[in-house]
N, C-alpha and C. Protein backbone atom coordinates (compact mmCIF):
# COMPACT_ATOMS: atom_id res chain seq x y z
N SER A 1 -52.75 -65.12 -47.27
CA SER A 1 -53.76 -64.55 -46.39
C SER A 1 -54.08 -65.53 -45.26
N ILE A 2 -54.61 -65.01 -44.18
CA ILE A 2 -54.97 -65.82 -43.02
C ILE A 2 -56.48 -65.76 -42.87
N ALA A 3 -57.07 -66.91 -42.59
CA ALA A 3 -58.51 -66.98 -42.37
C ALA A 3 -58.77 -67.69 -41.05
N PHE A 4 -59.83 -67.30 -40.38
CA PHE A 4 -60.22 -67.89 -39.11
C PHE A 4 -61.65 -68.41 -39.21
N ALA A 5 -61.91 -69.54 -38.55
CA ALA A 5 -63.27 -70.07 -38.45
C ALA A 5 -63.30 -71.01 -37.25
N ASN A 6 -64.49 -71.23 -36.74
CA ASN A 6 -64.59 -72.17 -35.61
C ASN A 6 -64.53 -73.61 -36.09
N ASP A 7 -64.36 -74.52 -35.15
CA ASP A 7 -64.18 -75.93 -35.49
C ASP A 7 -65.37 -76.52 -36.23
N ALA A 8 -66.58 -76.09 -35.89
CA ALA A 8 -67.77 -76.65 -36.55
C ALA A 8 -67.84 -76.21 -38.02
N ASN A 9 -67.49 -74.96 -38.29
CA ASN A 9 -67.47 -74.51 -39.69
C ASN A 9 -66.42 -75.26 -40.48
N CYS A 10 -65.25 -75.48 -39.88
CA CYS A 10 -64.19 -76.23 -40.56
C CYS A 10 -64.61 -77.68 -40.80
N PHE A 11 -65.24 -78.29 -39.79
CA PHE A 11 -65.77 -79.65 -39.92
C PHE A 11 -66.76 -79.72 -41.09
N ALA A 12 -67.72 -78.79 -41.11
CA ALA A 12 -68.75 -78.80 -42.15
C ALA A 12 -68.13 -78.60 -43.53
N LEU A 13 -67.17 -77.70 -43.63
CA LEU A 13 -66.53 -77.44 -44.92
C LEU A 13 -65.78 -78.66 -45.44
N ALA A 14 -65.05 -79.34 -44.55
CA ALA A 14 -64.32 -80.54 -44.96
C ALA A 14 -65.27 -81.64 -45.39
N GLU A 15 -66.32 -81.86 -44.61
CA GLU A 15 -67.29 -82.93 -44.95
C GLU A 15 -68.02 -82.61 -46.25
N ALA A 16 -68.28 -81.32 -46.52
CA ALA A 16 -68.95 -80.93 -47.77
C ALA A 16 -68.00 -81.02 -48.96
N THR A 17 -66.72 -80.88 -48.72
CA THR A 17 -65.75 -80.92 -49.81
C THR A 17 -65.30 -82.34 -50.14
N TRP A 18 -64.94 -83.11 -49.10
CA TRP A 18 -64.36 -84.43 -49.31
C TRP A 18 -65.09 -85.57 -48.61
N GLY A 19 -66.06 -85.26 -47.79
CA GLY A 19 -66.63 -86.28 -46.92
C GLY A 19 -68.07 -86.66 -47.21
N ALA A 20 -68.81 -86.86 -46.14
CA ALA A 20 -70.17 -87.41 -46.20
C ALA A 20 -71.18 -86.49 -46.87
N ALA A 21 -70.87 -85.20 -47.00
CA ALA A 21 -71.80 -84.26 -47.65
C ALA A 21 -71.27 -83.80 -49.01
N ARG A 22 -70.30 -84.53 -49.52
CA ARG A 22 -69.69 -84.16 -50.81
C ARG A 22 -70.77 -84.05 -51.89
N GLY A 23 -70.74 -82.93 -52.60
CA GLY A 23 -71.69 -82.71 -53.68
C GLY A 23 -72.98 -82.04 -53.24
N ALA A 24 -73.18 -81.86 -51.94
CA ALA A 24 -74.40 -81.21 -51.46
C ALA A 24 -74.32 -79.71 -51.73
N ARG A 25 -75.41 -79.15 -52.16
CA ARG A 25 -75.46 -77.70 -52.36
C ARG A 25 -75.46 -76.98 -51.01
N VAL A 26 -76.24 -77.51 -50.07
CA VAL A 26 -76.33 -76.94 -48.73
C VAL A 26 -76.09 -78.07 -47.73
N ALA A 27 -75.08 -77.87 -46.88
CA ALA A 27 -74.75 -78.87 -45.86
C ALA A 27 -74.68 -78.20 -44.49
N PHE A 28 -75.15 -78.93 -43.50
CA PHE A 28 -75.04 -78.46 -42.11
C PHE A 28 -74.24 -79.52 -41.37
N GLY A 29 -73.14 -79.10 -40.77
CA GLY A 29 -72.31 -80.00 -39.99
C GLY A 29 -72.59 -79.81 -38.52
N VAL A 30 -72.82 -80.90 -37.82
CA VAL A 30 -73.14 -80.88 -36.40
C VAL A 30 -72.02 -81.56 -35.63
N ILE A 31 -71.50 -80.88 -34.63
CA ILE A 31 -70.55 -81.52 -33.72
C ILE A 31 -71.28 -81.78 -32.41
N LEU A 32 -71.37 -83.05 -32.06
CA LEU A 32 -71.97 -83.49 -30.81
C LEU A 32 -70.86 -84.13 -29.99
N GLY A 33 -70.23 -83.36 -29.17
CA GLY A 33 -69.11 -83.86 -28.37
C GLY A 33 -69.21 -83.35 -26.96
N SER A 34 -68.11 -82.78 -26.45
CA SER A 34 -68.15 -82.19 -25.12
C SER A 34 -69.03 -80.95 -25.14
N GLY A 35 -69.19 -80.37 -26.30
CA GLY A 35 -70.12 -79.28 -26.54
C GLY A 35 -70.91 -79.60 -27.79
N VAL A 36 -71.75 -78.67 -28.21
CA VAL A 36 -72.56 -78.88 -29.41
C VAL A 36 -72.42 -77.64 -30.27
N GLY A 37 -72.05 -77.86 -31.52
CA GLY A 37 -71.91 -76.74 -32.44
C GLY A 37 -72.38 -77.14 -33.82
N GLY A 38 -72.39 -76.18 -34.69
CA GLY A 38 -72.81 -76.44 -36.06
C GLY A 38 -72.14 -75.49 -37.02
N GLY A 39 -72.06 -75.91 -38.25
CA GLY A 39 -71.49 -75.09 -39.30
C GLY A 39 -72.28 -75.24 -40.58
N LEU A 40 -72.38 -74.16 -41.33
CA LEU A 40 -73.13 -74.14 -42.58
C LEU A 40 -72.21 -74.00 -43.78
N VAL A 41 -72.51 -74.75 -44.82
CA VAL A 41 -71.77 -74.63 -46.07
C VAL A 41 -72.79 -74.49 -47.20
N PHE A 42 -72.65 -73.41 -47.96
CA PHE A 42 -73.49 -73.17 -49.13
C PHE A 42 -72.61 -73.19 -50.36
N ASP A 43 -72.94 -74.03 -51.31
CA ASP A 43 -72.19 -74.10 -52.57
C ASP A 43 -70.68 -74.15 -52.35
N GLY A 44 -70.25 -74.97 -51.41
CA GLY A 44 -68.83 -75.18 -51.17
C GLY A 44 -68.13 -74.11 -50.36
N LYS A 45 -68.88 -73.18 -49.81
CA LYS A 45 -68.28 -72.10 -49.02
C LYS A 45 -68.89 -72.08 -47.62
N ALA A 46 -68.01 -71.99 -46.61
CA ALA A 46 -68.48 -71.86 -45.23
C ALA A 46 -69.19 -70.53 -45.08
N TRP A 47 -70.29 -70.55 -44.36
CA TRP A 47 -71.09 -69.34 -44.15
C TRP A 47 -70.97 -68.91 -42.70
N ASP A 48 -70.43 -67.70 -42.48
CA ASP A 48 -70.24 -67.18 -41.13
C ASP A 48 -71.44 -66.41 -40.62
N GLY A 49 -72.15 -65.74 -41.51
CA GLY A 49 -73.27 -64.90 -41.12
C GLY A 49 -72.85 -63.49 -40.78
N ALA A 50 -73.82 -62.63 -40.59
CA ALA A 50 -73.58 -61.21 -40.34
C ALA A 50 -72.83 -60.97 -39.03
N GLN A 51 -73.04 -61.84 -38.04
CA GLN A 51 -72.41 -61.67 -36.73
C GLN A 51 -71.32 -62.69 -36.46
N GLY A 52 -71.05 -63.55 -37.45
CA GLY A 52 -70.06 -64.60 -37.26
C GLY A 52 -70.55 -65.75 -36.41
N ILE A 53 -71.86 -65.89 -36.25
CA ILE A 53 -72.40 -66.95 -35.40
C ILE A 53 -73.29 -67.93 -36.16
N ALA A 54 -73.26 -67.88 -37.48
CA ALA A 54 -74.08 -68.80 -38.26
C ALA A 54 -73.76 -70.24 -37.87
N GLY A 55 -74.77 -71.03 -37.66
CA GLY A 55 -74.60 -72.43 -37.32
C GLY A 55 -74.48 -72.70 -35.83
N GLU A 56 -74.48 -71.68 -34.98
CA GLU A 56 -74.34 -71.91 -33.53
C GLU A 56 -75.63 -72.48 -32.95
N TRP A 57 -75.94 -73.62 -33.44
CA TRP A 57 -77.13 -74.37 -33.12
C TRP A 57 -77.16 -74.82 -31.66
N GLY A 58 -76.02 -75.04 -31.07
CA GLY A 58 -75.95 -75.52 -29.70
C GLY A 58 -76.46 -74.54 -28.67
N HIS A 59 -76.62 -73.28 -29.06
CA HIS A 59 -77.05 -72.27 -28.09
C HIS A 59 -78.46 -71.78 -28.35
N ILE A 60 -79.27 -72.64 -28.94
CA ILE A 60 -80.71 -72.38 -29.02
C ILE A 60 -81.32 -72.95 -27.74
N PRO A 61 -81.96 -72.12 -26.92
CA PRO A 61 -82.61 -72.63 -25.70
C PRO A 61 -83.82 -73.48 -26.08
N LEU A 62 -83.76 -74.76 -25.78
CA LEU A 62 -84.83 -75.69 -26.16
C LEU A 62 -85.68 -76.11 -24.96
N LEU A 63 -85.10 -76.16 -23.78
CA LEU A 63 -85.83 -76.59 -22.57
C LEU A 63 -85.82 -75.50 -21.51
N VAL A 64 -86.30 -74.36 -21.84
CA VAL A 64 -86.20 -73.20 -20.96
C VAL A 64 -86.88 -73.44 -19.61
N ASP A 65 -88.10 -73.90 -19.61
CA ASP A 65 -88.87 -74.02 -18.37
C ASP A 65 -88.89 -75.42 -17.78
N SER A 66 -88.16 -76.33 -18.35
CA SER A 66 -88.14 -77.70 -17.86
C SER A 66 -87.35 -77.81 -16.56
N PRO A 67 -87.79 -78.66 -15.63
CA PRO A 67 -86.99 -78.87 -14.42
C PRO A 67 -85.64 -79.54 -14.75
N ASP A 68 -85.52 -80.16 -15.92
CA ASP A 68 -84.27 -80.78 -16.35
C ASP A 68 -83.29 -79.77 -16.95
N ALA A 69 -83.75 -78.53 -17.17
CA ALA A 69 -82.89 -77.52 -17.80
C ALA A 69 -81.76 -77.15 -16.86
N VAL A 70 -80.57 -77.08 -17.41
CA VAL A 70 -79.41 -76.61 -16.65
C VAL A 70 -78.87 -75.35 -17.33
N THR A 71 -78.11 -74.59 -16.58
CA THR A 71 -77.55 -73.36 -17.12
C THR A 71 -76.32 -73.67 -17.97
N CYS A 72 -76.29 -73.09 -19.13
CA CYS A 72 -75.19 -73.26 -20.07
C CYS A 72 -74.11 -72.24 -19.74
N TYR A 73 -72.90 -72.48 -20.21
CA TYR A 73 -71.82 -71.52 -19.98
C TYR A 73 -72.13 -70.17 -20.63
N CYS A 74 -73.02 -70.14 -21.61
CA CYS A 74 -73.38 -68.88 -22.26
C CYS A 74 -74.31 -68.04 -21.40
N GLY A 75 -74.81 -68.61 -20.31
CA GLY A 75 -75.68 -67.89 -19.39
C GLY A 75 -77.15 -68.19 -19.54
N LYS A 76 -77.53 -68.86 -20.62
CA LYS A 76 -78.94 -69.22 -20.83
C LYS A 76 -79.20 -70.61 -20.24
N ARG A 77 -80.46 -70.92 -20.02
CA ARG A 77 -80.86 -72.24 -19.51
C ARG A 77 -81.43 -73.08 -20.62
N GLY A 78 -81.13 -74.37 -20.58
CA GLY A 78 -81.76 -75.32 -21.49
C GLY A 78 -81.28 -75.29 -22.92
N CYS A 79 -80.07 -74.78 -23.16
CA CYS A 79 -79.52 -74.77 -24.52
C CYS A 79 -79.37 -76.21 -25.04
N ILE A 80 -79.42 -76.37 -26.33
CA ILE A 80 -79.23 -77.67 -26.96
C ILE A 80 -77.92 -78.31 -26.48
N GLU A 81 -76.89 -77.50 -26.31
CA GLU A 81 -75.61 -78.02 -25.83
C GLU A 81 -75.76 -78.74 -24.49
N THR A 82 -76.59 -78.20 -23.60
CA THR A 82 -76.76 -78.80 -22.27
C THR A 82 -77.68 -80.02 -22.30
N ILE A 83 -78.24 -80.29 -23.45
CA ILE A 83 -79.13 -81.45 -23.61
C ILE A 83 -78.43 -82.58 -24.34
N LEU A 84 -77.65 -82.22 -25.38
CA LEU A 84 -77.07 -83.23 -26.27
C LEU A 84 -75.55 -83.36 -26.18
N GLY A 85 -74.89 -82.51 -25.43
CA GLY A 85 -73.45 -82.65 -25.23
C GLY A 85 -73.16 -83.86 -24.35
N GLY A 86 -72.12 -84.61 -24.70
CA GLY A 86 -71.78 -85.84 -23.98
C GLY A 86 -71.69 -85.69 -22.48
N PRO A 87 -70.92 -84.74 -21.95
CA PRO A 87 -70.81 -84.59 -20.50
C PRO A 87 -72.15 -84.25 -19.84
N PHE A 88 -73.01 -83.54 -20.56
CA PHE A 88 -74.32 -83.18 -20.02
C PHE A 88 -75.24 -84.39 -19.95
N ILE A 89 -75.15 -85.28 -20.94
CA ILE A 89 -75.94 -86.52 -20.90
C ILE A 89 -75.46 -87.38 -19.73
N GLU A 90 -74.14 -87.49 -19.57
CA GLU A 90 -73.58 -88.26 -18.45
C GLU A 90 -74.01 -87.68 -17.11
N ALA A 91 -74.01 -86.35 -16.99
CA ALA A 91 -74.41 -85.70 -15.73
C ALA A 91 -75.89 -85.92 -15.45
N ALA A 92 -76.72 -85.87 -16.49
CA ALA A 92 -78.16 -86.11 -16.31
C ALA A 92 -78.39 -87.55 -15.85
N TYR A 93 -77.64 -88.47 -16.42
CA TYR A 93 -77.76 -89.87 -16.01
C TYR A 93 -77.37 -90.03 -14.53
N ALA A 94 -76.29 -89.38 -14.14
CA ALA A 94 -75.83 -89.45 -12.74
C ALA A 94 -76.87 -88.84 -11.79
N ARG A 95 -77.48 -87.72 -12.20
CA ARG A 95 -78.52 -87.10 -11.36
C ARG A 95 -79.71 -88.04 -11.18
N ARG A 96 -80.09 -88.72 -12.24
CA ARG A 96 -81.27 -89.60 -12.18
C ARG A 96 -81.01 -90.91 -11.45
N THR A 97 -79.82 -91.46 -11.64
CA THR A 97 -79.57 -92.81 -11.13
C THR A 97 -78.65 -92.85 -9.92
N GLY A 98 -77.91 -91.77 -9.70
CA GLY A 98 -76.91 -91.77 -8.64
C GLY A 98 -75.66 -92.54 -9.01
N THR A 99 -75.55 -92.92 -10.28
CA THR A 99 -74.41 -93.70 -10.77
C THR A 99 -73.69 -92.93 -11.88
N GLN A 100 -72.38 -92.84 -11.76
CA GLN A 100 -71.57 -92.20 -12.80
C GLN A 100 -71.26 -93.23 -13.89
N LYS A 101 -71.59 -92.87 -15.12
CA LYS A 101 -71.24 -93.71 -16.26
C LYS A 101 -70.82 -92.84 -17.42
N LYS A 102 -69.90 -93.35 -18.21
CA LYS A 102 -69.54 -92.71 -19.47
C LYS A 102 -70.69 -92.94 -20.45
N LEU A 103 -70.80 -92.08 -21.43
CA LEU A 103 -71.89 -92.18 -22.40
C LEU A 103 -71.96 -93.57 -23.03
N VAL A 104 -70.82 -94.13 -23.39
CA VAL A 104 -70.80 -95.44 -24.04
C VAL A 104 -71.28 -96.56 -23.11
N GLU A 105 -71.30 -96.31 -21.80
CA GLU A 105 -71.74 -97.31 -20.82
C GLU A 105 -73.23 -97.21 -20.49
N ILE A 106 -73.86 -96.11 -20.89
CA ILE A 106 -75.30 -95.95 -20.62
C ILE A 106 -76.06 -96.82 -21.61
N PRO A 107 -76.93 -97.70 -21.11
CA PRO A 107 -77.66 -98.59 -22.01
C PRO A 107 -78.49 -97.80 -23.03
N PRO A 108 -78.45 -98.20 -24.30
CA PRO A 108 -79.20 -97.47 -25.33
C PRO A 108 -80.70 -97.47 -25.10
N ASP A 109 -81.20 -98.44 -24.31
CA ASP A 109 -82.64 -98.48 -24.05
C ASP A 109 -83.02 -97.74 -22.76
N ASP A 110 -82.07 -97.05 -22.14
CA ASP A 110 -82.37 -96.27 -20.95
C ASP A 110 -83.33 -95.13 -21.33
N PRO A 111 -84.33 -94.84 -20.49
CA PRO A 111 -85.28 -93.76 -20.82
C PRO A 111 -84.62 -92.41 -21.10
N LEU A 112 -83.51 -92.13 -20.44
CA LEU A 112 -82.81 -90.87 -20.68
C LEU A 112 -82.34 -90.78 -22.13
N ILE A 113 -81.83 -91.87 -22.67
CA ILE A 113 -81.38 -91.87 -24.07
C ILE A 113 -82.57 -91.65 -25.00
N GLY A 114 -83.69 -92.30 -24.71
CA GLY A 114 -84.90 -92.08 -25.51
C GLY A 114 -85.34 -90.63 -25.49
N GLU A 115 -85.28 -90.00 -24.32
CA GLU A 115 -85.64 -88.58 -24.21
C GLU A 115 -84.67 -87.72 -25.02
N ARG A 116 -83.38 -88.01 -24.92
CA ARG A 116 -82.38 -87.22 -25.64
C ARG A 116 -82.52 -87.39 -27.14
N VAL A 117 -82.88 -88.59 -27.59
CA VAL A 117 -83.09 -88.82 -29.02
C VAL A 117 -84.28 -88.00 -29.51
N GLU A 118 -85.33 -87.95 -28.73
CA GLU A 118 -86.51 -87.14 -29.10
C GLU A 118 -86.13 -85.66 -29.16
N LEU A 119 -85.35 -85.19 -28.20
CA LEU A 119 -84.91 -83.80 -28.20
C LEU A 119 -83.94 -83.52 -29.36
N PHE A 120 -83.12 -84.49 -29.70
CA PHE A 120 -82.26 -84.40 -30.88
C PHE A 120 -83.14 -84.14 -32.12
N GLY A 121 -84.23 -84.88 -32.22
CA GLY A 121 -85.16 -84.69 -33.35
C GLY A 121 -85.74 -83.30 -33.39
N ARG A 122 -86.20 -82.82 -32.24
CA ARG A 122 -86.76 -81.46 -32.18
C ARG A 122 -85.70 -80.43 -32.55
N ALA A 123 -84.48 -80.62 -32.02
CA ALA A 123 -83.41 -79.65 -32.25
C ALA A 123 -82.99 -79.61 -33.72
N LEU A 124 -82.82 -80.77 -34.34
CA LEU A 124 -82.41 -80.79 -35.75
C LEU A 124 -83.54 -80.36 -36.68
N ALA A 125 -84.78 -80.58 -36.27
CA ALA A 125 -85.91 -80.13 -37.08
C ALA A 125 -85.90 -78.61 -37.23
N ILE A 126 -85.39 -77.92 -36.22
CA ILE A 126 -85.25 -76.46 -36.33
C ILE A 126 -84.38 -76.11 -37.53
N ILE A 127 -83.26 -76.81 -37.66
CA ILE A 127 -82.34 -76.56 -38.78
C ILE A 127 -83.01 -76.91 -40.11
N VAL A 128 -83.68 -78.05 -40.14
CA VAL A 128 -84.36 -78.46 -41.38
C VAL A 128 -85.43 -77.44 -41.76
N ASN A 129 -86.21 -77.00 -40.78
CA ASN A 129 -87.28 -76.05 -41.07
C ASN A 129 -86.78 -74.67 -41.49
N VAL A 130 -85.63 -74.25 -40.98
CA VAL A 130 -85.12 -72.91 -41.30
C VAL A 130 -84.19 -72.93 -42.50
N VAL A 131 -83.26 -73.89 -42.55
CA VAL A 131 -82.23 -73.90 -43.59
C VAL A 131 -82.58 -74.86 -44.73
N ASP A 132 -83.25 -75.97 -44.42
CA ASP A 132 -83.60 -77.01 -45.38
C ASP A 132 -82.38 -77.53 -46.14
N PRO A 133 -81.36 -78.00 -45.39
CA PRO A 133 -80.13 -78.47 -46.06
C PRO A 133 -80.35 -79.79 -46.80
N ASP A 134 -79.48 -80.04 -47.76
CA ASP A 134 -79.50 -81.32 -48.47
C ASP A 134 -79.02 -82.44 -47.55
N VAL A 135 -77.99 -82.13 -46.74
CA VAL A 135 -77.36 -83.13 -45.88
C VAL A 135 -77.04 -82.50 -44.53
N ILE A 136 -77.23 -83.27 -43.48
CA ILE A 136 -76.73 -82.93 -42.15
C ILE A 136 -75.73 -84.02 -41.78
N VAL A 137 -74.50 -83.61 -41.49
CA VAL A 137 -73.44 -84.55 -41.13
C VAL A 137 -73.21 -84.45 -39.63
N LEU A 138 -73.22 -85.60 -38.95
CA LEU A 138 -72.99 -85.63 -37.51
C LEU A 138 -71.56 -86.04 -37.22
N GLY A 139 -70.92 -85.33 -36.30
CA GLY A 139 -69.58 -85.66 -35.86
C GLY A 139 -69.48 -85.50 -34.35
N GLY A 140 -68.34 -85.86 -33.79
CA GLY A 140 -68.14 -85.81 -32.35
C GLY A 140 -68.51 -87.13 -31.71
N GLY A 141 -68.10 -87.30 -30.46
CA GLY A 141 -68.30 -88.57 -29.76
C GLY A 141 -69.74 -89.03 -29.65
N VAL A 142 -70.67 -88.10 -29.43
CA VAL A 142 -72.08 -88.47 -29.30
C VAL A 142 -72.63 -89.01 -30.62
N SER A 143 -72.02 -88.59 -31.74
CA SER A 143 -72.49 -89.05 -33.06
C SER A 143 -72.25 -90.54 -33.26
N ASN A 144 -71.50 -91.19 -32.36
CA ASN A 144 -71.28 -92.63 -32.45
C ASN A 144 -72.46 -93.44 -31.94
N MET A 145 -73.46 -92.78 -31.37
CA MET A 145 -74.66 -93.48 -30.91
C MET A 145 -75.50 -93.88 -32.12
N SER A 146 -75.56 -95.16 -32.41
CA SER A 146 -76.27 -95.62 -33.62
C SER A 146 -77.75 -95.26 -33.61
N VAL A 147 -78.33 -95.10 -32.44
CA VAL A 147 -79.75 -94.78 -32.33
C VAL A 147 -80.07 -93.41 -32.99
N LEU A 148 -79.09 -92.54 -33.12
CA LEU A 148 -79.35 -91.25 -33.76
C LEU A 148 -79.70 -91.41 -35.24
N TYR A 149 -79.18 -92.46 -35.87
CA TYR A 149 -79.39 -92.66 -37.31
C TYR A 149 -80.66 -93.47 -37.61
N THR A 150 -81.31 -93.94 -36.57
CA THR A 150 -82.57 -94.67 -36.73
C THR A 150 -83.68 -93.87 -36.04
N ASP A 151 -83.81 -94.05 -34.73
CA ASP A 151 -84.84 -93.34 -33.97
C ASP A 151 -84.64 -91.83 -34.03
N GLY A 152 -83.39 -91.38 -34.07
CA GLY A 152 -83.12 -89.94 -34.15
C GLY A 152 -83.62 -89.34 -35.44
N VAL A 153 -83.38 -90.00 -36.55
CA VAL A 153 -83.86 -89.52 -37.85
C VAL A 153 -85.39 -89.53 -37.87
N ALA A 154 -85.99 -90.56 -37.29
CA ALA A 154 -87.46 -90.62 -37.21
C ALA A 154 -87.99 -89.45 -36.37
N ALA A 155 -87.29 -89.10 -35.30
CA ALA A 155 -87.71 -87.97 -34.47
C ALA A 155 -87.59 -86.65 -35.24
N VAL A 156 -86.53 -86.50 -36.02
CA VAL A 156 -86.40 -85.30 -36.85
C VAL A 156 -87.60 -85.22 -37.80
N ALA A 157 -87.94 -86.33 -38.42
CA ALA A 157 -89.06 -86.36 -39.37
C ALA A 157 -90.38 -85.96 -38.69
N ARG A 158 -90.57 -86.40 -37.44
CA ARG A 158 -91.82 -86.06 -36.71
C ARG A 158 -91.94 -84.56 -36.47
N TRP A 159 -90.82 -83.87 -36.28
CA TRP A 159 -90.84 -82.46 -35.92
C TRP A 159 -90.61 -81.52 -37.09
N THR A 160 -90.35 -82.08 -38.27
CA THR A 160 -90.11 -81.26 -39.46
C THR A 160 -91.44 -80.82 -40.05
N PHE A 161 -91.48 -79.62 -40.56
CA PHE A 161 -92.69 -79.03 -41.11
C PHE A 161 -93.26 -79.84 -42.28
N ASN A 162 -92.40 -80.39 -43.11
CA ASN A 162 -92.80 -81.14 -44.29
C ASN A 162 -93.31 -82.53 -43.90
N ASP A 163 -94.15 -83.12 -44.74
CA ASP A 163 -94.66 -84.47 -44.50
C ASP A 163 -93.59 -85.53 -44.70
N GLU A 164 -92.54 -85.20 -45.43
CA GLU A 164 -91.48 -86.15 -45.74
C GLU A 164 -90.12 -85.50 -45.48
N LEU A 165 -89.28 -86.18 -44.72
CA LEU A 165 -87.94 -85.68 -44.46
C LEU A 165 -87.04 -86.09 -45.61
N ARG A 166 -86.61 -85.12 -46.40
CA ARG A 166 -85.72 -85.41 -47.53
C ARG A 166 -84.26 -85.14 -47.21
N THR A 167 -84.01 -84.40 -46.15
CA THR A 167 -82.64 -84.12 -45.73
C THR A 167 -81.99 -85.41 -45.26
N LYS A 168 -80.84 -85.73 -45.81
CA LYS A 168 -80.09 -86.90 -45.37
C LYS A 168 -79.37 -86.55 -44.07
N ILE A 169 -79.42 -87.45 -43.12
CA ILE A 169 -78.71 -87.28 -41.85
C ILE A 169 -77.72 -88.43 -41.77
N VAL A 170 -76.43 -88.08 -41.85
CA VAL A 170 -75.39 -89.10 -42.00
C VAL A 170 -74.25 -88.89 -41.01
N LYS A 171 -73.52 -89.96 -40.78
CA LYS A 171 -72.33 -89.91 -39.94
C LYS A 171 -71.16 -89.34 -40.74
N HIS A 172 -70.29 -88.66 -40.07
CA HIS A 172 -69.11 -88.08 -40.70
C HIS A 172 -68.29 -89.16 -41.41
N ALA A 173 -67.55 -88.74 -42.41
CA ALA A 173 -66.70 -89.67 -43.16
C ALA A 173 -65.22 -89.43 -42.89
N LEU A 174 -64.85 -88.26 -42.41
CA LEU A 174 -63.45 -87.88 -42.32
C LEU A 174 -62.85 -88.04 -40.93
N GLY A 175 -63.63 -88.42 -39.97
CA GLY A 175 -63.10 -88.65 -38.63
C GLY A 175 -62.66 -87.38 -37.93
N ASP A 176 -61.77 -87.54 -36.96
CA ASP A 176 -61.34 -86.44 -36.13
C ASP A 176 -60.50 -85.40 -36.87
N SER A 177 -60.06 -85.72 -38.05
CA SER A 177 -59.23 -84.78 -38.82
C SER A 177 -60.04 -83.78 -39.63
N ALA A 178 -61.34 -83.91 -39.63
CA ALA A 178 -62.18 -83.06 -40.48
C ALA A 178 -61.98 -81.58 -40.20
N GLY A 179 -61.89 -81.19 -38.94
CA GLY A 179 -61.70 -79.78 -38.63
C GLY A 179 -60.42 -79.21 -39.19
N VAL A 180 -59.34 -79.97 -39.09
CA VAL A 180 -58.04 -79.53 -39.62
C VAL A 180 -58.10 -79.45 -41.14
N LEU A 181 -58.71 -80.45 -41.77
CA LEU A 181 -58.85 -80.43 -43.23
C LEU A 181 -59.67 -79.24 -43.67
N GLY A 182 -60.75 -78.95 -42.96
CA GLY A 182 -61.57 -77.79 -43.30
C GLY A 182 -60.83 -76.48 -43.13
N ALA A 183 -60.00 -76.40 -42.09
CA ALA A 183 -59.21 -75.18 -41.89
C ALA A 183 -58.27 -74.95 -43.07
N ALA A 184 -57.73 -76.02 -43.63
CA ALA A 184 -56.85 -75.89 -44.79
C ALA A 184 -57.60 -75.35 -46.01
N LEU A 185 -58.91 -75.53 -46.04
CA LEU A 185 -59.72 -75.06 -47.16
C LEU A 185 -60.15 -73.60 -47.01
N LEU A 186 -60.03 -73.03 -45.82
CA LEU A 186 -60.58 -71.70 -45.56
C LEU A 186 -60.09 -70.62 -46.52
N PRO A 187 -58.82 -70.50 -46.80
CA PRO A 187 -58.41 -69.42 -47.71
C PRO A 187 -59.07 -69.48 -49.06
N GLU A 188 -59.50 -70.69 -49.46
CA GLU A 188 -60.15 -70.84 -50.76
C GLU A 188 -61.63 -70.57 -50.69
N SER A 189 -62.23 -70.67 -49.49
CA SER A 189 -63.69 -70.58 -49.40
C SER A 189 -64.19 -69.16 -49.31
């Protein structure tokens, strides 16, 4: 049989099966790269949802009325993807400073990074408040920012409904191959 799933679902499935979310009953996989996506795994099975869009966290409009909001390719303004996607962070930095820099060249103490970390917290708190996963695994180039695992986790805790954040937020374990590994698991899931 043939099965299809998006890269974020495959990433989440692989990380829940063999990686950083191994053993979790409920895992949410986040891809923070050139775009932003997410995938859900319940009891070892990828969850597509009624419309096949489960986990499409990157297209939640978070900054609708902000002057910093930009239009997403989906047609909405201020989507999480346009806030936390690597090229969008680089473009925001260029707009503010007039200087082009790659994400890895932007100083971690730059105010833009602090703002993005706070928005990361608000955005992931939505997932925690709605799904309440055991583990959230971060992947993609933006996930290499160490500040996400310190200040970012603290920001998630500030915006989560509960007084204590019990959801683990961890870096991927399987690297760039996670999506391919997850795709190999699809016929079984």
